[in-house]
Amino acid sequence: MTAIKVVTFNTQFGGYDDEGLGAGHRWRGQVEFLKTLEADILALQFSGCS
């Protein structure tokens, strides 16, 4: 049997500090973290404001 790793992650404002309008340092950090998980399937949730 083959196992797969499924990861779901809430990016909180797309990884930005101010609803996606500012510097993206949080997003870059999240990307580096997600890479370490080595997921086969990655589902990203976005909880920004409209």
Protein backbone atom coordinates (compact mmCIF):
# COMPACT_ATOMS: atom_id res chain seq x y z
CA MET A 1 0.00 0.00 0.00
CA THR A 2 1.24 3.49 -0.87
CA ALA A 3 0.91 6.26 1.69
CA ILE A 4 0.42 9.89 0.72
CA LYS A 5 0.90 12.96 2.90
CA VAL A 6 -1.96 15.47 2.76
CA VAL A 7 -1.46 18.90 4.35
CA THR A 8 -3.97 21.71 4.80
CA PHE A 9 -2.73 25.13 5.84
CA ASN A 10 -4.47 28.44 6.54
CA THR A 11 -2.28 31.23 5.17
CA GLN A 12 -4.02 34.02 7.18
CA PHE A 13 -4.33 37.00 4.82
CA GLY A 14 -2.35 35.18 2.16
CA GLY A 15 0.79 35.40 4.27
CA TYR A 16 0.79 39.18 4.41
CA ASP A 17 0.56 41.36 7.50
CA ASP A 18 -2.17 43.68 6.21
CA GLU A 19 -4.70 41.80 4.10
CA GLY A 20 -2.25 41.32 1.21
CA LEU A 21 -1.16 44.90 0.65
CA GLY A 22 2.18 45.01 2.46
CA ALA A 23 5.53 43.28 2.54
CA GLY A 24 5.48 39.55 1.90
CA HIS A 25 8.00 38.36 4.50
CA ARG A 26 5.36 36.20 6.22
CA TRP A 27 4.46 34.57 2.90
CA ARG A 28 8.08 33.71 2.15
CA GLY A 29 8.42 32.17 5.62
CA GLN A 30 5.26 30.13 5.14
CA VAL A 31 6.49 28.85 1.78
CA GLU A 32 9.79 27.71 3.31
CA PHE A 33 7.90 25.97 6.15
CA LEU A 34 5.52 24.23 3.74
CA LYS A 35 8.44 22.96 1.67
CA THR A 36 9.82 21.17 4.74
CA LEU A 37 6.59 19.17 5.10
CA GLU A 38 7.16 17.43 1.74
CA ALA A 39 3.42 17.05 1.15
CA ASP A 40 2.05 15.03 -1.74
CA ILE A 41 -1.14 17.11 -1.64
CA LEU A 42 -1.20 20.65 -0.27
CA ALA A 43 -4.47 22.52 0.29
CA LEU A 44 -4.08 26.22 1.09
CA GLN A 45 -6.84 28.16 2.82
CA PHE A 46 -6.99 31.93 2.59
CA SER A 47 -8.66 33.87 5.40
CA GLY A 48 -8.43 37.39 4.07
CA CYS A 49 -10.95 40.16 4.33
CA SER A 50 -13.15 41.24 1.46
